[in-house]
Amino acid sequence: MAHFPVTNSNLSAEHLGLFIQTKYALGKNTRCRLIRAGINDTYLVNDDLQQFVFRVYSAGWRTRIEIEEELNLLNLLRVNQISVSYPVADHADNFIQILNAPEGDRFAVLFSYAKGEKLHDVPAETHYKIGQLIGRFHEITLNRTLKRVHYTPEIVLVDALKKLELFLPPETAEMQFMKSMQKYLLHEFSKVNGDTIRNGIVHLDIWFDNLNVTDKNEITIFDFDFCGNGWLCFDIAYYVMQLHNIEKYEAKDYTPKIENFFSGYESVTKISTNEKALVPVLGLSLYFFYLGVQCERFENYSNVFLNENYLKRFINGLVKRYYEITKVA
C-alpha cells in the first residue's frame, strides 16, 4: 500500500542524533532533542563536550541557493568578528545536509550554540550593546546584496495583506483598519528619497527571541532565516517596534531603553534624520509582513493559535497600539 502524501513531518530526534553523530564525527554520547517545531524545526545537539543547534528547514520554504546565501553571510560576519551563531561543516566540509522526509527533501544545517539565555526584560545597558552589535553588522552589510528577497513595499505590505485576507473578513473593523493603514504606509514609502537611506543586507528579525545574553553581557545574534536585502533601518525599526511591544507600560519604562539602543548604534555608525523618521512607518509595515508569514504558514506553524479572534486581538492590541504610541499619522 502506498504511503499517503504529507505536507509536514516531525523527524525523529533520536535518529537525527545518530545521523549528526556520524556526519560530524561527534562523541558516542551525542544526544538530540526537539526544542521548537515551527516555520523550521530546531533541535538541540549535545555530545558532552559541546552543544550545537540543528535546524531542519521546512520542505519548500527556502531554496538551496537561499540557504547558501544565508550561510555565506554568517561566515562573512564571523570573519569580521560579529558574534553570531555560525554554520558548522561536517567531516566532508559540507554545510548543508539533505534529509529525505515523507513530504520531500528537507535541507538541514548544524549551527554553533549561542551561549547565554534569552532575556525578556533587557537592562538599558544591554540595549546599548545590542545597538553597537547591530551597528557593526550594518557596517559590514552596507551596500552588499544576497541572492535572496528584496524587502520592497510590495513584499512587506501588499503581498502580506493578501495573505491576511484569507483569514480576516473584509467587513471587519480590523481589516478596514489594516487596509487604511496599508494605503497610508504605501504613500509614506512613495515619498522617500531612496538616495538618503542606506541599503544593504538586513536580518529583519532581531529581537529578544533571537538574541542570547551571557551573565557577562556578551550578546550573540542567531536565526538569520529572514535575512535579505533592503533598507538597513528595517532592522532598527523592527527592534524598536518589538521593544514597544514587550514594554507594555508607560513611556518612562521603554524610552530610556530605546535611547540607549540608539546611542549604542550611533557610537558605531550614524542614523540619518530621514532614517529615524522612517522608524515608526517601517515598524508598522513589519507588523503586516509577519502577520502575512503567520497566515502563509498556517498549515504547519500557526494553526495552533491563528484564527479570526487572534488576528483581531493582535491588530487591536499591538498594531493599533503602536500606531497610537508613535503618532505616525
C-alpha atoms as a PDB file:
ATOM      1  CA  MET A   1       0.000   0.000   0.000  1.00  0.00           C
ATOM      2  CA  ALA A   2       1.409   3.391  -0.984  1.00  0.00           C
ATOM      3  CA  HIS A   3       2.038   5.949   1.747  1.00  0.00           C
ATOM      4  CA  PHE A   4      -0.470   8.776   1.827  1.00  0.00           C
ATOM      5  CA  PRO A   5       1.203  12.111   0.905  1.00  0.00           C
ATOM      6  CA  VAL A   6       2.022  14.531   3.755  1.00  0.00           C
ATOM      7  CA  THR A   7       2.848  18.222   3.815  1.00  0.00           C
ATOM      8  CA  ASN A   8       4.904  18.274   7.011  1.00  0.00           C
ATOM      9  CA  SER A   9       6.505  15.764   9.364  1.00  0.00           C
ATOM     10  CA  ASN A  10       8.404  15.738  12.650  1.00  0.00           C
ATOM     11  CA  LEU A  11      11.710  13.981  12.163  1.00  0.00           C
ATOM     12  CA  SER A  12      12.828  11.610  14.905  1.00  0.00           C
ATOM     13  CA  ALA A  13      15.248  13.373  17.267  1.00  0.00           C
ATOM     14  CA  GLU A  14      16.790  10.020  18.178  1.00  0.00           C
ATOM     15  CA  HIS A  15      17.610   9.167  14.580  1.00  0.00           C
ATOM     16  CA  LEU A  16      18.751  12.691  13.800  1.00  0.00           C
ATOM     17  CA  GLY A  17      21.165  12.348  16.720  1.00  0.00           C
ATOM     18  CA  LEU A  18      22.683   9.236  15.169  1.00  0.00           C
ATOM     19  CA  PHE A  19      22.855  10.947  11.775  1.00  0.00           C
ATOM     20  CA  ILE A  20      24.566  14.034  13.226  1.00  0.00           C
ATOM     21  CA  GLN A  21      26.969  11.941  15.303  1.00  0.00           C
ATOM     22  CA  THR A  22      28.171  10.143  12.164  1.00  0.00           C
ATOM     23  CA  LYS A  23      28.185  13.132   9.797  1.00  0.00           C
ATOM     24  CA  TYR A  24      30.017  15.465  12.154  1.00  0.00           C
ATOM     25  CA  ALA A  25      32.212  12.916  13.936  1.00  0.00           C
ATOM     26  CA  LEU A  26      30.792  13.788  17.358  1.00  0.00           C
ATOM     27  CA  GLY A  27      31.206  11.770  20.547  1.00  0.00           C
ATOM     28  CA  LYS A  28      29.429   8.472  21.217  1.00  0.00           C
ATOM     29  CA  ASN A  29      27.159  10.151  23.785  1.00  0.00           C
ATOM     30  CA  THR A  30      25.649  12.548  21.243  1.00  0.00           C
ATOM     31  CA  ARG A  31      22.084  13.425  22.166  1.00  0.00           C
ATOM     32  CA  CYS A  32      19.476  15.307  20.159  1.00  0.00           C
ATOM     33  CA  ARG A  33      16.109  16.688  21.207  1.00  0.00           C
ATOM     34  CA  LEU A  34      13.499  18.863  19.540  1.00  0.00           C
ATOM     35  CA  ILE A  35      13.293  22.315  21.131  1.00  0.00           C
ATOM     36  CA  ARG A  36      10.958  24.022  18.640  1.00  0.00           C
ATOM     37  CA  ALA A  37       8.774  22.927  15.748  1.00  0.00           C
ATOM     38  CA  GLY A  38       7.608  25.787  13.595  1.00  0.00           C
ATOM     39  CA  ILE A  39       8.495  27.580  10.398  1.00  0.00           C
ATOM     40  CA  ASN A  40      11.614  25.420  10.616  1.00  0.00           C
ATOM     41  CA  ASP A  41      12.302  22.717  13.200  1.00  0.00           C
ATOM     42  CA  THR A  42      15.084  23.302  15.710  1.00  0.00           C
ATOM     43  CA  TYR A  43      16.947  20.592  17.627  1.00  0.00           C
ATOM     44  CA  LEU A  44      19.475  20.894  20.453  1.00  0.00           C
ATOM     45  CA  VAL A  45      22.510  18.648  19.988  1.00  0.00           C
ATOM     46  CA  ASN A  46      24.901  17.791  22.832  1.00  0.00           C
ATOM     47  CA  ASP A  47      27.859  15.388  22.858  1.00  0.00           C
ATOM     48  CA  ASP A  48      29.019  16.160  26.436  1.00  0.00           C
ATOM     49  CA  LEU A  49      31.859  18.392  25.198  1.00  0.00           C
ATOM     50  CA  GLN A  50      29.868  20.994  23.272  1.00  0.00           C
ATOM     51  CA  GLN A  51      26.402  21.994  22.164  1.00  0.00           C
ATOM     52  CA  PHE A  52      25.001  22.789  18.737  1.00  0.00           C
ATOM     53  CA  VAL A  53      21.691  23.685  17.152  1.00  0.00           C
ATOM     54  CA  PHE A  54      20.454  21.653  14.187  1.00  0.00           C
ATOM     55  CA  ARG A  55      17.912  23.452  12.006  1.00  0.00           C
ATOM     56  CA  VAL A  56      15.754  21.403   9.658  1.00  0.00           C
ATOM     57  CA  TYR A  57      14.186  23.724   7.107  1.00  0.00           C
ATOM     58  CA  SER A  58      10.578  23.069   6.136  1.00  0.00           C
ATOM     59  CA  ALA A  59      10.158  21.492   2.712  1.00  0.00           C
ATOM     60  CA  GLY A  60       9.850  24.164   0.053  1.00  0.00           C
ATOM     61  CA  TRP A  61      10.447  27.052   2.470  1.00  0.00           C
ATOM     62  CA  ARG A  62      13.952  28.043   1.297  1.00  0.00           C
ATOM     63  CA  THR A  63      15.853  27.073  -1.827  1.00  0.00           C
ATOM     64  CA  ARG A  64      19.361  25.714  -1.602  1.00  0.00           C
ATOM     65  CA  ILE A  65      20.713  28.969  -3.048  1.00  0.00           C
ATOM     66  CA  GLU A  66      18.858  31.000  -0.404  1.00  0.00           C
ATOM     67  CA  ILE A  67      20.325  28.839   2.365  1.00  0.00           C
ATOM     68  CA  GLU A  68      23.811  29.051   0.863  1.00  0.00           C
ATOM     69  CA  GLU A  69      23.490  32.838   0.824  1.00  0.00           C
ATOM     70  CA  GLU A  70      22.402  32.854   4.480  1.00  0.00           C
ATOM     71  CA  LEU A  71      25.430  30.745   5.410  1.00  0.00           C
ATOM     72  CA  ASN A  72      27.779  32.904   3.331  1.00  0.00           C
ATOM     73  CA  LEU A  73      26.536  35.925   5.249  1.00  0.00           C
ATOM     74  CA  LEU A  74      27.097  34.214   8.592  1.00  0.00           C
ATOM     75  CA  ASN A  75      30.633  33.219   7.643  1.00  0.00           C
ATOM     76  CA  LEU A  76      31.340  36.791   6.485  1.00  0.00           C
ATOM     77  CA  LEU A  77      30.089  38.137   9.806  1.00  0.00           C
ATOM     78  CA  ARG A  78      32.121  35.608  11.757  1.00  0.00           C
ATOM     79  CA  VAL A  79      35.307  36.544   9.872  1.00  0.00           C
ATOM     80  CA  ASN A  80      34.589  40.145  10.830  1.00  0.00           C
ATOM     81  CA  GLN A  81      34.199  39.149  14.496  1.00  0.00           C
ATOM     82  CA  ILE A  82      30.460  39.761  14.707  1.00  0.00           C
ATOM     83  CA  SER A  83      29.030  37.489  17.381  1.00  0.00           C
ATOM     84  CA  VAL A  84      26.613  35.225  15.529  1.00  0.00           C
ATOM     85  CA  SER A  85      25.606  31.583  15.576  1.00  0.00           C
ATOM     86  CA  TYR A  86      27.556  30.274  12.581  1.00  0.00           C
ATOM     87  CA  PRO A  87      27.263  27.131  10.424  1.00  0.00           C
ATOM     88  CA  VAL A  88      29.390  24.096  11.231  1.00  0.00           C
ATOM     89  CA  ALA A  89      30.778  21.920   8.424  1.00  0.00           C
ATOM     90  CA  ASP A  90      30.597  18.132   8.549  1.00  0.00           C
ATOM     91  CA  HIS A  91      33.665  15.925   8.203  1.00  0.00           C
ATOM     92  CA  ALA A  92      33.404  16.231   4.393  1.00  0.00           C
ATOM     93  CA  ASP A  93      33.311  20.069   4.629  1.00  0.00           C
ATOM     94  CA  ASN A  94      29.628  20.286   3.719  1.00  0.00           C
ATOM     95  CA  PHE A  95      27.424  22.827   5.490  1.00  0.00           C
ATOM     96  CA  ILE A  96      24.056  21.704   4.084  1.00  0.00           C
ATOM     97  CA  GLN A  97      22.505  18.293   4.614  1.00  0.00           C
ATOM     98  CA  ILE A  98      19.592  16.873   2.603  1.00  0.00           C
ATOM     99  CA  LEU A  99      17.119  14.748   4.547  1.00  0.00           C
ATOM    100  CA  ASN A 100      14.621  12.615   2.638  1.00  0.00           C
ATOM    101  CA  ALA A 101      11.451  13.287   4.651  1.00  0.00           C
ATOM    102  CA  PRO A 102       7.951  11.949   3.793  1.00  0.00           C
ATOM    103  CA  GLU A 103       6.969  15.333   2.330  1.00  0.00           C
ATOM    104  CA  GLY A 104      10.113  15.530   0.209  1.00  0.00           C
ATOM    105  CA  ASP A 105      13.712  16.608   0.657  1.00  0.00           C
ATOM    106  CA  ARG A 106      14.392  18.944   3.562  1.00  0.00           C
ATOM    107  CA  PHE A 107      17.596  20.920   3.970  1.00  0.00           C
ATOM    108  CA  ALA A 108      19.345  20.991   7.339  1.00  0.00           C
ATOM    109  CA  VAL A 109      22.304  22.850   8.853  1.00  0.00           C
ATOM    110  CA  LEU A 110      24.250  22.455  12.092  1.00  0.00           C
ATOM    111  CA  PHE A 111      24.932  25.767  13.862  1.00  0.00           C
ATOM    112  CA  SER A 112      27.171  26.746  16.747  1.00  0.00           C
ATOM    113  CA  TYR A 113      25.345  27.202  20.028  1.00  0.00           C
ATOM    114  CA  ALA A 114      24.746  30.780  21.156  1.00  0.00           C
ATOM    115  CA  LYS A 115      25.875  30.993  24.768  1.00  0.00           C
ATOM    116  CA  GLY A 116      23.684  32.693  27.332  1.00  0.00           C
ATOM    117  CA  GLU A 117      19.937  32.981  27.504  1.00  0.00           C
ATOM    118  CA  LYS A 118      17.065  34.989  26.087  1.00  0.00           C
ATOM    119  CA  LEU A 119      16.190  37.971  28.255  1.00  0.00           C
ATOM    120  CA  HIS A 120      12.633  39.234  28.105  1.00  0.00           C
ATOM    121  CA  ASP A 121      13.374  42.178  30.385  1.00  0.00           C
ATOM    122  CA  VAL A 122      16.591  43.572  28.918  1.00  0.00           C
ATOM    123  CA  PRO A 123      18.522  46.145  31.003  1.00  0.00           C
ATOM    124  CA  ALA A 124      19.183  49.542  29.418  1.00  0.00           C
ATOM    125  CA  GLU A 125      22.940  48.914  29.276  1.00  0.00           C
ATOM    126  CA  THR A 126      22.363  45.694  27.320  1.00  0.00           C
ATOM    127  CA  HIS A 127      20.239  47.602  24.791  1.00  0.00           C
ATOM    128  CA  TYR A 128      23.281  49.832  24.276  1.00  0.00           C
ATOM    129  CA  LYS A 129      25.456  46.809  23.474  1.00  0.00           C
ATOM    130  CA  ILE A 130      22.797  45.368  21.176  1.00  0.00           C
ATOM    131  CA  GLY A 131      22.723  48.693  19.344  1.00  0.00           C
ATOM    132  CA  GLN A 132      26.504  48.529  18.952  1.00  0.00           C
ATOM    133  CA  LEU A 133      26.329  44.963  17.624  1.00  0.00           C
ATOM    134  CA  ILE A 134      23.650  45.802  15.045  1.00  0.00           C
ATOM    135  CA  GLY A 135      25.612  48.911  14.047  1.00  0.00           C
ATOM    136  CA  ARG A 136      28.716  46.789  13.421  1.00  0.00           C
ATOM    137  CA  PHE A 137      26.606  44.273  11.487  1.00  0.00           C
ATOM    138  CA  HIS A 138      25.272  47.073   9.283  1.00  0.00           C
ATOM    139  CA  GLU A 139      28.765  48.476   8.706  1.00  0.00           C
ATOM    140  CA  ILE A 140      29.685  45.142   7.127  1.00  0.00           C
ATOM    141  CA  THR A 141      26.470  44.615   5.153  1.00  0.00           C
ATOM    142  CA  LEU A 142      26.172  48.194   3.833  1.00  0.00           C
ATOM    143  CA  ASN A 143      25.739  48.160   0.036  1.00  0.00           C
ATOM    144  CA  ARG A 144      26.056  44.375  -0.103  1.00  0.00           C
ATOM    145  CA  THR A 145      23.362  42.103  -1.526  1.00  0.00           C
ATOM    146  CA  LEU A 146      22.330  38.473  -1.259  1.00  0.00           C
ATOM    147  CA  LYS A 147      20.628  36.245  -3.820  1.00  0.00           C
ATOM    148  CA  ARG A 148      17.547  36.452  -1.660  1.00  0.00           C
ATOM    149  CA  VAL A 149      14.399  38.529  -1.274  1.00  0.00           C
ATOM    150  CA  HIS A 150      14.434  42.314  -1.649  1.00  0.00           C
ATOM    151  CA  TYR A 151      12.120  43.754   1.017  1.00  0.00           C
ATOM    152  CA  THR A 152      10.093  46.143  -1.099  1.00  0.00           C
ATOM    153  CA  PRO A 153       6.729  47.740  -0.203  1.00  0.00           C
ATOM    154  CA  GLU A 154       5.108  45.135  -2.477  1.00  0.00           C
ATOM    155  CA  ILE A 155       6.594  42.280  -0.426  1.00  0.00           C
ATOM    156  CA  VAL A 156       6.140  43.825   3.005  1.00  0.00           C
ATOM    157  CA  LEU A 157       2.713  45.436   2.650  1.00  0.00           C
ATOM    158  CA  VAL A 158       0.841  44.308  -0.446  1.00  0.00           C
ATOM    159  CA  ASP A 159       1.599  40.579  -0.539  1.00  0.00           C
ATOM    160  CA  ALA A 160       1.232  40.334   3.238  1.00  0.00           C
ATOM    161  CA  LEU A 161      -2.262  41.806   3.303  1.00  0.00           C
ATOM    162  CA  LYS A 162      -3.406  39.397   0.580  1.00  0.00           C
ATOM    163  CA  LYS A 163      -2.467  36.521   2.883  1.00  0.00           C
ATOM    164  CA  LEU A 164      -4.261  38.130   5.812  1.00  0.00           C
ATOM    165  CA  GLU A 165      -7.449  38.484   3.754  1.00  0.00           C
ATOM    166  CA  LEU A 166      -7.777  34.681   3.718  1.00  0.00           C
ATOM    167  CA  PHE A 167      -8.351  34.678   7.482  1.00  0.00           C
ATOM    168  CA  LEU A 168      -9.949  38.034   8.310  1.00  0.00           C
ATOM    169  CA  PRO A 169     -13.249  39.035   6.631  1.00  0.00           C
ATOM    170  CA  PRO A 170     -13.178  42.323   4.701  1.00  0.00           C
ATOM    171  CA  GLU A 171     -16.154  43.776   6.581  1.00  0.00           C
ATOM    172  CA  THR A 172     -14.471  43.594   9.993  1.00  0.00           C
ATOM    173  CA  ALA A 173     -13.297  46.829  11.594  1.00  0.00           C
ATOM    174  CA  GLU A 174      -9.834  45.340  11.956  1.00  0.00           C
ATOM    175  CA  MET A 175      -9.479  44.584   8.251  1.00  0.00           C
ATOM    176  CA  GLN A 176     -10.767  48.039   7.381  1.00  0.00           C
ATOM    177  CA  PHE A 177      -8.107  49.486   9.683  1.00  0.00           C
ATOM    178  CA  MET A 178      -5.381  47.378   8.046  1.00  0.00           C
ATOM    179  CA  LYS A 179      -6.433  48.453   4.542  1.00  0.00           C
ATOM    180  CA  SER A 180      -6.485  52.092   5.583  1.00  0.00           C
ATOM    181  CA  MET A 181      -3.090  51.737   7.247  1.00  0.00           C
ATOM    182  CA  GLN A 182      -1.686  49.965   4.190  1.00  0.00           C
ATOM    183  CA  LYS A 183      -2.768  52.847   1.962  1.00  0.00           C
ATOM    184  CA  TYR A 184      -1.139  55.361   4.281  1.00  0.00           C
ATOM    185  CA  LEU A 185       2.097  53.377   4.594  1.00  0.00           C
ATOM    186  CA  LEU A 186       2.411  52.881   0.847  1.00  0.00           C
ATOM    187  CA  HIS A 187       2.025  56.634   0.453  1.00  0.00           C
ATOM    188  CA  GLU A 188       4.797  57.198   3.009  1.00  0.00           C
ATOM    189  CA  PHE A 189       7.071  54.783   1.130  1.00  0.00           C
ATOM    190  CA  SER A 190       6.406  56.648  -2.116  1.00  0.00           C
ATOM    191  CA  LYS A 191       7.668  59.914  -0.597  1.00  0.00           C
ATOM    192  CA  VAL A 192      11.043  58.516   0.476  1.00  0.00           C
ATOM    193  CA  ASN A 193      14.160  59.681  -1.328  1.00  0.00           C
ATOM    194  CA  GLY A 194      15.987  56.382  -1.578  1.00  0.00           C
ATOM    195  CA  ASP A 195      19.335  58.116  -2.004  1.00  0.00           C
ATOM    196  CA  THR A 196      19.160  59.258   1.632  1.00  0.00           C
ATOM    197  CA  ILE A 197      18.506  55.762   3.030  1.00  0.00           C
ATOM    198  CA  ARG A 198      21.254  53.174   3.498  1.00  0.00           C
ATOM    199  CA  ASN A 199      20.774  49.887   1.642  1.00  0.00           C
ATOM    200  CA  GLY A 200      22.336  46.537   2.339  1.00  0.00           C
ATOM    201  CA  ILE A 201      21.716  43.143   3.879  1.00  0.00           C
ATOM    202  CA  VAL A 202      19.235  43.021   6.759  1.00  0.00           C
ATOM    203  CA  HIS A 203      18.446  40.373   9.358  1.00  0.00           C
ATOM    204  CA  LEU A 204      14.802  41.502   9.683  1.00  0.00           C
ATOM    205  CA  ASP A 205      14.111  39.518  12.867  1.00  0.00           C
ATOM    206  CA  ILE A 206      16.394  40.907  15.585  1.00  0.00           C
ATOM    207  CA  TRP A 207      14.563  40.906  18.908  1.00  0.00           C
ATOM    208  CA  PHE A 208      14.927  39.228  22.290  1.00  0.00           C
ATOM    209  CA  ASP A 209      13.873  35.816  20.934  1.00  0.00           C
ATOM    210  CA  ASN A 210      16.863  35.764  18.538  1.00  0.00           C
ATOM    211  CA  LEU A 211      19.479  37.116  20.942  1.00  0.00           C
ATOM    212  CA  ASN A 212      21.271  35.245  23.711  1.00  0.00           C
ATOM    213  CA  VAL A 213      22.960  37.209  26.502  1.00  0.00           C
ATOM    214  CA  THR A 214      25.504  35.804  28.963  1.00  0.00           C
ATOM    215  CA  ASP A 215      25.979  36.898  32.575  1.00  0.00           C
ATOM    216  CA  LYS A 216      28.981  38.896  31.295  1.00  0.00           C
ATOM    217  CA  ASN A 217      26.671  40.812  28.920  1.00  0.00           C
ATOM    218  CA  GLU A 218      28.078  39.052  25.843  1.00  0.00           C
ATOM    219  CA  ILE A 219      25.493  39.027  23.044  1.00  0.00           C
ATOM    220  CA  THR A 220      25.048  36.605  20.166  1.00  0.00           C
ATOM    221  CA  ILE A 221      22.583  37.043  17.293  1.00  0.00           C
ATOM    222  CA  PHE A 222      21.069  33.978  15.659  1.00  0.00           C
ATOM    223  CA  ASP A 223      18.295  32.839  13.318  1.00  0.00           C
ATOM    224  CA  PHE A 224      19.046  34.637  10.047  1.00  0.00           C
ATOM    225  CA  ASP A 225      16.263  32.759   8.231  1.00  0.00           C
ATOM    226  CA  PHE A 226      14.626  36.025   7.096  1.00  0.00           C
ATOM    227  CA  CYS A 227      17.822  37.766   6.027  1.00  0.00           C
ATOM    228  CA  GLY A 228      17.567  39.589   2.730  1.00  0.00           C
ATOM    229  CA  ASN A 229      18.103  42.913   1.015  1.00  0.00           C
ATOM    230  CA  GLY A 230      16.604  46.253   1.933  1.00  0.00           C
ATOM    231  CA  TRP A 231      16.943  49.459   3.888  1.00  0.00           C
ATOM    232  CA  LEU A 232      19.194  48.895   6.895  1.00  0.00           C
ATOM    233  CA  CYS A 233      16.782  50.887   9.043  1.00  0.00           C
ATOM    234  CA  PHE A 234      14.308  47.987   8.713  1.00  0.00           C
ATOM    235  CA  ASP A 235      16.377  46.244  11.414  1.00  0.00           C
ATOM    236  CA  ILE A 236      16.333  49.336  13.602  1.00  0.00           C
ATOM    237  CA  ALA A 237      12.588  49.766  13.147  1.00  0.00           C
ATOM    238  CA  TYR A 238      11.840  46.126  13.932  1.00  0.00           C
ATOM    239  CA  TYR A 239      13.908  46.198  17.121  1.00  0.00           C
ATOM    240  CA  VAL A 240      12.230  49.401  18.327  1.00  0.00           C
ATOM    241  CA  MET A 241       8.772  48.063  17.443  1.00  0.00           C
ATOM    242  CA  GLN A 242       9.398  44.860  19.387  1.00  0.00           C
ATOM    243  CA  LEU A 243      10.646  46.850  22.369  1.00  0.00           C
ATOM    244  CA  HIS A 244       7.394  48.823  22.385  1.00  0.00           C
ATOM    245  CA  ASN A 245       5.580  45.506  22.102  1.00  0.00           C
ATOM    246  CA  ILE A 246       7.360  43.988  25.103  1.00  0.00           C
ATOM    247  CA  GLU A 247       7.330  47.081  27.324  1.00  0.00           C
ATOM    248  CA  LYS A 248       3.548  47.427  27.585  1.00  0.00           C
ATOM    249  CA  TYR A 249       3.606  50.175  30.167  1.00  0.00           C
ATOM    250  CA  GLU A 250       4.416  53.867  30.341  1.00  0.00           C
ATOM    251  CA  ALA A 251       6.935  55.652  28.135  1.00  0.00           C
ATOM    252  CA  LYS A 252       9.211  56.051  31.154  1.00  0.00           C
ATOM    253  CA  ASP A 253       9.831  52.291  31.025  1.00  0.00           C
ATOM    254  CA  TYR A 254      10.836  51.929  27.389  1.00  0.00           C
ATOM    255  CA  THR A 255      12.124  55.387  26.422  1.00  0.00           C
ATOM    256  CA  PRO A 256      15.493  55.031  28.265  1.00  0.00           C
ATOM    257  CA  LYS A 257      15.987  51.612  26.685  1.00  0.00           C
ATOM    258  CA  ILE A 258      15.275  52.885  23.186  1.00  0.00           C
ATOM    259  CA  GLU A 259      17.579  55.858  23.755  1.00  0.00           C
ATOM    260  CA  ASN A 260      20.348  53.512  24.914  1.00  0.00           C
ATOM    261  CA  PHE A 261      19.818  51.311  21.853  1.00  0.00           C
ATOM    262  CA  PHE A 262      20.140  54.315  19.515  1.00  0.00           C
ATOM    263  CA  SER A 263      23.168  55.609  21.429  1.00  0.00           C
ATOM    264  CA  GLY A 264      24.887  52.234  21.117  1.00  0.00           C
ATOM    265  CA  TYR A 265      24.139  52.008  17.401  1.00  0.00           C
ATOM    266  CA  GLU A 266      25.320  55.558  16.691  1.00  0.00           C
ATOM    267  CA  SER A 267      28.529  55.004  18.647  1.00  0.00           C
ATOM    268  CA  VAL A 268      29.389  52.788  15.648  1.00  0.00           C
ATOM    269  CA  THR A 269      27.620  54.379  12.676  1.00  0.00           C
ATOM    270  CA  LYS A 270      25.181  57.247  12.303  1.00  0.00           C
ATOM    271  CA  ILE A 271      21.484  57.054  11.507  1.00  0.00           C
ATOM    272  CA  SER A 272      20.298  59.822   9.212  1.00  0.00           C
ATOM    273  CA  THR A 273      17.389  62.092  10.098  1.00  0.00           C
ATOM    274  CA  ASN A 274      15.359  60.567   7.249  1.00  0.00           C
ATOM    275  CA  GLU A 275      16.029  57.053   8.529  1.00  0.00           C
ATOM    276  CA  LYS A 276      14.930  57.967  12.055  1.00  0.00           C
ATOM    277  CA  ALA A 277      11.738  59.487  10.679  1.00  0.00           C
ATOM    278  CA  LEU A 278      11.001  56.183   8.933  1.00  0.00           C
ATOM    279  CA  VAL A 279      11.276  54.036  12.073  1.00  0.00           C
ATOM    280  CA  PRO A 280       7.541  54.087  13.002  1.00  0.00           C
ATOM    281  CA  VAL A 281       6.477  53.585   9.375  1.00  0.00           C
ATOM    282  CA  LEU A 282       8.766  50.595   8.898  1.00  0.00           C
ATOM    283  CA  GLY A 283       7.798  49.124  12.266  1.00  0.00           C
ATOM    284  CA  LEU A 284       4.121  49.196  11.348  1.00  0.00           C
ATOM    285  CA  SER A 285       4.943  47.738   7.933  1.00  0.00           C
ATOM    286  CA  LEU A 286       6.732  44.809   9.530  1.00  0.00           C
ATOM    287  CA  TYR A 287       3.624  44.021  11.574  1.00  0.00           C
ATOM    288  CA  PHE A 288       1.961  43.475   8.192  1.00  0.00           C
ATOM    289  CA  PHE A 289       4.819  41.332   6.959  1.00  0.00           C
ATOM    290  CA  TYR A 290       4.931  38.966   9.921  1.00  0.00           C
ATOM    291  CA  LEU A 291       1.160  38.635  10.117  1.00  0.00           C
ATOM    292  CA  GLY A 292       1.432  37.601   6.472  1.00  0.00           C
ATOM    293  CA  VAL A 293       4.051  34.983   7.373  1.00  0.00           C
ATOM    294  CA  GLN A 294       1.807  33.582  10.105  1.00  0.00           C
ATOM    295  CA  CYS A 295      -1.082  33.302   7.642  1.00  0.00           C
ATOM    296  CA  GLU A 296       1.114  31.794   4.929  1.00  0.00           C
ATOM    297  CA  ARG A 297       2.404  29.120   7.298  1.00  0.00           C
ATOM    298  CA  PHE A 298      -0.954  28.184   8.828  1.00  0.00           C
ATOM    299  CA  GLU A 299      -0.741  24.529   7.864  1.00  0.00           C
ATOM    300  CA  ASN A 300       2.434  23.635   9.741  1.00  0.00           C
ATOM    301  CA  TYR A 301       3.130  26.522  12.120  1.00  0.00           C
ATOM    302  CA  SER A 302       0.387  28.920  13.191  1.00  0.00           C
ATOM    303  CA  ASN A 303      -2.723  26.722  13.191  1.00  0.00           C
ATOM    304  CA  VAL A 304      -2.472  26.191  16.955  1.00  0.00           C
ATOM    305  CA  PHE A 305      -3.152  29.876  17.610  1.00  0.00           C
ATOM    306  CA  LEU A 306      -4.147  31.738  14.449  1.00  0.00           C
ATOM    307  CA  ASN A 307      -7.845  32.408  13.892  1.00  0.00           C
ATOM    308  CA  GLU A 308     -10.104  35.423  13.352  1.00  0.00           C
ATOM    309  CA  ASN A 309     -10.241  36.217  17.073  1.00  0.00           C
ATOM    310  CA  TYR A 310      -6.430  36.065  17.404  1.00  0.00           C
ATOM    311  CA  LEU A 311      -5.978  38.412  14.442  1.00  0.00           C
ATOM    312  CA  LYS A 312      -8.459  40.902  15.860  1.00  0.00           C
ATOM    313  CA  ARG A 313      -6.703  40.885  19.235  1.00  0.00           C
ATOM    314  CA  PHE A 314      -3.295  41.207  17.569  1.00  0.00           C
ATOM    315  CA  ILE A 315      -4.379  44.168  15.444  1.00  0.00           C
ATOM    316  CA  ASN A 316      -6.203  45.947  18.280  1.00  0.00           C
ATOM    317  CA  GLY A 317      -3.648  45.178  20.979  1.00  0.00           C
ATOM    318  CA  LEU A 318      -0.391  45.601  19.063  1.00  0.00           C
ATOM    319  CA  VAL A 319      -0.723  47.241  15.654  1.00  0.00           C
ATOM    320  CA  LYS A 320      -3.205  49.943  16.694  1.00  0.00           C
ATOM    321  CA  ARG A 321      -1.362  50.489  19.960  1.00  0.00           C
ATOM    322  CA  TYR A 322       1.961  51.020  18.202  1.00  0.00           C
ATOM    323  CA  TYR A 323       0.286  53.348  15.727  1.00  0.00           C
ATOM    324  CA  GLU A 324      -1.140  55.403  18.598  1.00  0.00           C
ATOM    325  CA  ILE A 325       2.128  55.465  20.564  1.00  0.00           C
ATOM    326  CA  THR A 326       4.218  56.589  17.617  1.00  0.00           C
ATOM    327  CA  LYS A 327       1.578  59.012  16.271  1.00  0.00           C
ATOM    328  CA  VAL A 328       2.518  58.173  12.707  1.00  0.00           C
ATOM    329  CA  ALA A 329      -0.442  59.869  11.045  1.00  0.00           C
END
